[in-house]
Amino acid sequence: MLTFRRATLADVPVLVPLIESAYRGDSSRTGWTTEADLLDGQRTDPDGVAEVITAPKSALLMAWRDDDLVACCHVAEEDGAGYFGMFAVVPGLQGGGIGRDTLAEAERFARDEWGLGEMRMKVINAREDLIAWYVRRGYTRTGELTPFPYGDERFGVPLRDDLAFELLVKPLA
């Protein structure tokens, strides 16, 4: 069973390695959410995580199984809707329902704590398997693309020149 709580600045040192391990480098390849074939470099850093924790109408939720941090996600209010991001599950535990439960908690939080009626997210368009996972959880592809921020290494170093973010949306009613 998972328990959830909001992250504090004291949690930054455990959150950064979790997020990095789920997206970058060889450790991420043990899970299915890796971006290692699309992006090199960092996914985030301590300053980026601290910014998410301290921003207004923003929460970084942590998922715990017993005493182990197993997942996290960012939930924010943007333009009257929930925004979901910075989603990470320990790579070796992916595929066992932790991600599904963490996403559901983020949706519950946005709906029940902030009264938001929709969740939005942006997913790299080359991640068809991940987009399909979100679609199975009720998200709709909008076809609306935002260019990848090439040249801004805070988002990683692209290994391809055709990356963009696709907007996915889900009603939370």
C-alpha atoms as a PDB file:
ATOM      1  CA  MET A   1       0.000   0.000   0.000  1.00  0.00           C
ATOM      2  CA  LEU A   2       1.240   3.482  -0.855  1.00  0.00           C
ATOM      3  CA  THR A   3       1.109   6.536   1.340  1.00  0.00           C
ATOM      4  CA  PHE A   4       1.478  10.036  -0.060  1.00  0.00           C
ATOM      5  CA  ARG A   5       2.714  13.330   1.299  1.00  0.00           C
ATOM      6  CA  ARG A   6       3.816  16.683  -0.031  1.00  0.00           C
ATOM      7  CA  ALA A   7       7.541  17.165  -0.370  1.00  0.00           C
ATOM      8  CA  THR A   8       9.427  19.795   1.585  1.00  0.00           C
ATOM      9  CA  LEU A   9      12.807  21.344   0.873  1.00  0.00           C
ATOM     10  CA  ALA A  10      14.358  18.738   3.168  1.00  0.00           C
ATOM     11  CA  ASP A  11      13.303  16.073   0.613  1.00  0.00           C
ATOM     12  CA  VAL A  12      15.248  17.551  -2.328  1.00  0.00           C
ATOM     13  CA  PRO A  13      18.328  15.301  -1.779  1.00  0.00           C
ATOM     14  CA  VAL A  14      16.233  12.110  -2.203  1.00  0.00           C
ATOM     15  CA  LEU A  15      13.967  13.426  -4.953  1.00  0.00           C
ATOM     16  CA  VAL A  16      16.648  14.448  -7.455  1.00  0.00           C
ATOM     17  CA  PRO A  17      18.223  10.962  -7.696  1.00  0.00           C
ATOM     18  CA  LEU A  18      14.774   9.344  -8.013  1.00  0.00           C
ATOM     19  CA  ILE A  19      13.793  11.622 -10.895  1.00  0.00           C
ATOM     20  CA  GLU A  20      17.148  11.252 -12.633  1.00  0.00           C
ATOM     21  CA  SER A  21      17.079   7.441 -12.294  1.00  0.00           C
ATOM     22  CA  ALA A  22      13.663   7.204 -13.954  1.00  0.00           C
ATOM     23  CA  TYR A  23      14.592   9.255 -17.028  1.00  0.00           C
ATOM     24  CA  ARG A  24      18.324   9.347 -17.717  1.00  0.00           C
ATOM     25  CA  GLY A  25      21.282   7.043 -17.939  1.00  0.00           C
ATOM     26  CA  ASP A  26      21.627   3.290 -17.818  1.00  0.00           C
ATOM     27  CA  SER A  27      19.684   2.960 -14.558  1.00  0.00           C
ATOM     28  CA  SER A  28      16.581   4.272 -16.322  1.00  0.00           C
ATOM     29  CA  ARG A  29      16.751   1.443 -18.855  1.00  0.00           C
ATOM     30  CA  THR A  30      15.589  -1.072 -16.222  1.00  0.00           C
ATOM     31  CA  GLY A  31      12.186   0.644 -16.367  1.00  0.00           C
ATOM     32  CA  TRP A  32      10.017   1.402 -19.375  1.00  0.00           C
ATOM     33  CA  THR A  33       9.769   5.189 -18.963  1.00  0.00           C
ATOM     34  CA  THR A  34      13.382   5.924 -19.898  1.00  0.00           C
ATOM     35  CA  GLU A  35      14.191   8.854 -22.152  1.00  0.00           C
ATOM     36  CA  ALA A  36      17.827   7.730 -22.463  1.00  0.00           C
ATOM     37  CA  ASP A  37      17.487   7.132 -26.217  1.00  0.00           C
ATOM     38  CA  LEU A  38      15.957  10.580 -26.740  1.00  0.00           C
ATOM     39  CA  LEU A  39      17.814  12.831 -24.312  1.00  0.00           C
ATOM     40  CA  ASP A  40      21.149  12.943 -22.575  1.00  0.00           C
ATOM     41  CA  GLY A  41      22.182  15.198 -19.719  1.00  0.00           C
ATOM     42  CA  GLN A  42      20.125  15.962 -16.658  1.00  0.00           C
ATOM     43  CA  ARG A  43      16.363  15.755 -16.188  1.00  0.00           C
ATOM     44  CA  THR A  44      16.399  18.112 -13.211  1.00  0.00           C
ATOM     45  CA  ASP A  45      18.629  19.452 -10.470  1.00  0.00           C
ATOM     46  CA  PRO A  46      18.230  20.487  -6.815  1.00  0.00           C
ATOM     47  CA  ASP A  47      17.292  24.060  -7.744  1.00  0.00           C
ATOM     48  CA  GLY A  48      14.588  22.863 -10.161  1.00  0.00           C
ATOM     49  CA  VAL A  49      13.067  20.527  -7.587  1.00  0.00           C
ATOM     50  CA  ALA A  50      13.198  23.209  -4.886  1.00  0.00           C
ATOM     51  CA  GLU A  51      11.455  25.641  -7.233  1.00  0.00           C
ATOM     52  CA  VAL A  52       8.598  23.179  -7.798  1.00  0.00           C
ATOM     53  CA  ILE A  53       8.233  22.602  -4.044  1.00  0.00           C
ATOM     54  CA  THR A  54       8.110  26.288  -3.136  1.00  0.00           C
ATOM     55  CA  ALA A  55       6.095  27.711  -6.047  1.00  0.00           C
ATOM     56  CA  PRO A  56       2.529  28.884  -5.320  1.00  0.00           C
ATOM     57  CA  LYS A  57      -0.277  26.469  -6.316  1.00  0.00           C
ATOM     58  CA  SER A  58       2.342  23.759  -6.762  1.00  0.00           C
ATOM     59  CA  ALA A  59       2.956  20.494  -4.924  1.00  0.00           C
ATOM     60  CA  LEU A  60       5.487  17.744  -5.357  1.00  0.00           C
ATOM     61  CA  LEU A  61       3.795  14.587  -4.105  1.00  0.00           C
ATOM     62  CA  MET A  62       5.893  11.723  -2.795  1.00  0.00           C
ATOM     63  CA  ALA A  63       4.723   8.098  -2.800  1.00  0.00           C
ATOM     64  CA  TRP A  64       6.058   5.825  -0.071  1.00  0.00           C
ATOM     65  CA  ARG A  65       5.856   2.073   0.399  1.00  0.00           C
ATOM     66  CA  ASP A  66       6.752   1.461   4.011  1.00  0.00           C
ATOM     67  CA  ASP A  67       9.917   3.545   4.498  1.00  0.00           C
ATOM     68  CA  ASP A  68      10.925   3.587   0.826  1.00  0.00           C
ATOM     69  CA  LEU A  69      10.342   6.466  -1.565  1.00  0.00           C
ATOM     70  CA  VAL A  70       9.005   4.748  -4.693  1.00  0.00           C
ATOM     71  CA  ALA A  71       7.541   7.581  -6.799  1.00  0.00           C
ATOM     72  CA  CYS A  72       6.887  11.292  -7.072  1.00  0.00           C
ATOM     73  CA  CYS A  73       4.986  13.725  -9.257  1.00  0.00           C
ATOM     74  CA  HIS A  74       4.439  17.438  -9.618  1.00  0.00           C
ATOM     75  CA  VAL A  75       0.924  18.876  -9.532  1.00  0.00           C
ATOM     76  CA  ALA A  76       0.298  22.556 -10.175  1.00  0.00           C
ATOM     77  CA  GLU A  77      -2.531  24.868 -11.081  1.00  0.00           C
ATOM     78  CA  GLU A  78      -2.002  26.536 -14.443  1.00  0.00           C
ATOM     79  CA  ASP A  79      -4.650  28.618 -16.178  1.00  0.00           C
ATOM     80  CA  GLY A  80      -7.450  27.161 -14.046  1.00  0.00           C
ATOM     81  CA  ALA A  81      -6.507  23.518 -14.684  1.00  0.00           C
ATOM     82  CA  GLY A  82      -4.248  21.000 -13.040  1.00  0.00           C
ATOM     83  CA  TYR A  83      -0.840  20.376 -14.555  1.00  0.00           C
ATOM     84  CA  PHE A  84       0.935  17.036 -14.055  1.00  0.00           C
ATOM     85  CA  GLY A  85       4.669  16.537 -14.503  1.00  0.00           C
ATOM     86  CA  MET A  86       8.011  15.496 -13.001  1.00  0.00           C
ATOM     87  CA  PHE A  87       6.566  11.989 -12.690  1.00  0.00           C
ATOM     88  CA  ALA A  88       9.037   9.345 -11.597  1.00  0.00           C
ATOM     89  CA  VAL A  89       8.780   5.766 -10.372  1.00  0.00           C
ATOM     90  CA  VAL A  90      11.793   3.735  -9.246  1.00  0.00           C
ATOM     91  CA  PRO A  91      12.785   1.993 -12.524  1.00  0.00           C
ATOM     92  CA  GLY A  92      12.880  -1.546 -11.085  1.00  0.00           C
ATOM     93  CA  LEU A  93       9.361  -1.110  -9.686  1.00  0.00           C
ATOM     94  CA  GLN A  94       7.731   0.200 -12.864  1.00  0.00           C
ATOM     95  CA  GLY A  95       4.907  -1.875 -14.281  1.00  0.00           C
ATOM     96  CA  GLY A  96       3.540  -2.882 -10.865  1.00  0.00           C
ATOM     97  CA  GLY A  97       0.815  -0.260 -10.384  1.00  0.00           C
ATOM     98  CA  ILE A  98       2.788   2.379  -8.470  1.00  0.00           C
ATOM     99  CA  GLY A  99       2.595   4.811 -11.380  1.00  0.00           C
ATOM    100  CA  ARG A 100      -1.124   4.243 -11.841  1.00  0.00           C
ATOM    101  CA  ASP A 101      -1.765   4.866  -8.152  1.00  0.00           C
ATOM    102  CA  THR A 102       0.458   7.953  -8.083  1.00  0.00           C
ATOM    103  CA  LEU A 103      -1.286   9.446 -11.115  1.00  0.00           C
ATOM    104  CA  ALA A 104      -4.661   8.777  -9.469  1.00  0.00           C
ATOM    105  CA  GLU A 105      -3.495  10.549  -6.294  1.00  0.00           C
ATOM    106  CA  ALA A 106      -2.327  13.557  -8.336  1.00  0.00           C
ATOM    107  CA  GLU A 107      -5.738  13.739 -10.025  1.00  0.00           C
ATOM    108  CA  ARG A 108      -7.514  13.416  -6.668  1.00  0.00           C
ATOM    109  CA  PHE A 109      -5.314  16.130  -5.192  1.00  0.00           C
ATOM    110  CA  ALA A 110      -5.989  18.576  -8.059  1.00  0.00           C
ATOM    111  CA  ARG A 111      -9.736  17.888  -7.919  1.00  0.00           C
ATOM    112  CA  ASP A 112     -10.341  17.642  -4.170  1.00  0.00           C
ATOM    113  CA  GLU A 113      -7.704  19.983  -2.730  1.00  0.00           C
ATOM    114  CA  TRP A 114      -7.796  22.698  -5.377  1.00  0.00           C
ATOM    115  CA  GLY A 115     -11.227  22.165  -6.974  1.00  0.00           C
ATOM    116  CA  LEU A 116      -9.836  21.770 -10.495  1.00  0.00           C
ATOM    117  CA  GLY A 117     -11.904  20.099 -13.188  1.00  0.00           C
ATOM    118  CA  GLU A 118      -9.203  19.116 -15.673  1.00  0.00           C
ATOM    119  CA  MET A 119      -5.665  17.739 -15.635  1.00  0.00           C
ATOM    120  CA  ARG A 120      -3.193  18.593 -18.386  1.00  0.00           C
ATOM    121  CA  MET A 121       0.281  17.354 -19.158  1.00  0.00           C
ATOM    122  CA  LYS A 122       2.856  17.605 -21.898  1.00  0.00           C
ATOM    123  CA  VAL A 123       4.551  14.413 -23.067  1.00  0.00           C
ATOM    124  CA  ILE A 124       7.400  14.081 -25.557  1.00  0.00           C
ATOM    125  CA  ASN A 125       5.683  13.125 -28.809  1.00  0.00           C
ATOM    126  CA  ALA A 126       8.238  10.389 -29.561  1.00  0.00           C
ATOM    127  CA  ARG A 127       7.082   8.502 -26.433  1.00  0.00           C
ATOM    128  CA  GLU A 128       4.161   6.689 -28.083  1.00  0.00           C
ATOM    129  CA  ASP A 129       4.220   3.913 -25.448  1.00  0.00           C
ATOM    130  CA  LEU A 130       3.934   6.440 -22.637  1.00  0.00           C
ATOM    131  CA  ILE A 131       1.221   8.433 -24.425  1.00  0.00           C
ATOM    132  CA  ALA A 132      -0.721   5.193 -24.919  1.00  0.00           C
ATOM    133  CA  TRP A 133      -0.426   4.485 -21.165  1.00  0.00           C
ATOM    134  CA  TYR A 134      -1.953   7.891 -20.385  1.00  0.00           C
ATOM    135  CA  VAL A 135      -4.703   7.366 -22.964  1.00  0.00           C
ATOM    136  CA  ARG A 136      -5.614   4.108 -21.200  1.00  0.00           C
ATOM    137  CA  ARG A 137      -6.010   6.194 -18.037  1.00  0.00           C
ATOM    138  CA  GLY A 138      -8.524   8.544 -19.636  1.00  0.00           C
ATOM    139  CA  TYR A 139      -6.305  11.216 -21.172  1.00  0.00           C
ATOM    140  CA  THR A 140      -7.052  12.543 -24.645  1.00  0.00           C
ATOM    141  CA  ARG A 141      -4.444  13.482 -27.199  1.00  0.00           C
ATOM    142  CA  THR A 142      -5.048  17.020 -28.394  1.00  0.00           C
ATOM    143  CA  GLY A 143      -2.555  17.069 -31.260  1.00  0.00           C
ATOM    144  CA  GLU A 144      -1.370  20.409 -29.862  1.00  0.00           C
ATOM    145  CA  LEU A 145       2.417  20.445 -30.011  1.00  0.00           C
ATOM    146  CA  THR A 146       4.887  22.712 -28.249  1.00  0.00           C
ATOM    147  CA  PRO A 147       8.434  22.827 -29.589  1.00  0.00           C
ATOM    148  CA  PHE A 148      11.103  21.112 -27.518  1.00  0.00           C
ATOM    149  CA  PRO A 149      13.378  23.755 -25.926  1.00  0.00           C
ATOM    150  CA  TYR A 150      16.490  22.892 -27.940  1.00  0.00           C
ATOM    151  CA  GLY A 151      19.541  24.656 -26.536  1.00  0.00           C
ATOM    152  CA  ASP A 152      18.208  24.773 -22.961  1.00  0.00           C
ATOM    153  CA  GLU A 153      20.133  21.995 -21.223  1.00  0.00           C
ATOM    154  CA  ARG A 154      17.887  22.241 -18.135  1.00  0.00           C
ATOM    155  CA  PHE A 155      15.566  19.951 -20.133  1.00  0.00           C
ATOM    156  CA  GLY A 156      18.323  17.617 -21.311  1.00  0.00           C
ATOM    157  CA  VAL A 157      20.505  17.331 -24.377  1.00  0.00           C
ATOM    158  CA  PRO A 158      18.410  16.055 -27.290  1.00  0.00           C
ATOM    159  CA  LEU A 159      19.717  13.085 -29.261  1.00  0.00           C
ATOM    160  CA  ARG A 160      17.150  13.701 -32.030  1.00  0.00           C
ATOM    161  CA  ASP A 161      16.037  16.786 -33.908  1.00  0.00           C
ATOM    162  CA  ASP A 162      12.317  15.948 -34.127  1.00  0.00           C
ATOM    163  CA  LEU A 163      11.166  16.279 -30.519  1.00  0.00           C
ATOM    164  CA  ALA A 164       8.121  18.228 -29.358  1.00  0.00           C
ATOM    165  CA  PHE A 165       5.679  18.049 -26.452  1.00  0.00           C
ATOM    166  CA  GLU A 166       2.077  16.954 -27.036  1.00  0.00           C
ATOM    167  CA  LEU A 167      -0.653  18.244 -24.750  1.00  0.00           C
ATOM    168  CA  LEU A 168      -2.850  15.550 -23.150  1.00  0.00           C
ATOM    169  CA  VAL A 169      -5.989  16.416 -21.159  1.00  0.00           C
ATOM    170  CA  LYS A 170      -8.418  14.611 -18.863  1.00  0.00           C
ATOM    171  CA  PRO A 171     -11.603  15.824 -17.126  1.00  0.00           C
ATOM    172  CA  LEU A 172     -11.443  15.242 -13.365  1.00  0.00           C
ATOM    173  CA  ALA A 173     -15.173  15.249 -12.620  1.00  0.00           C
END
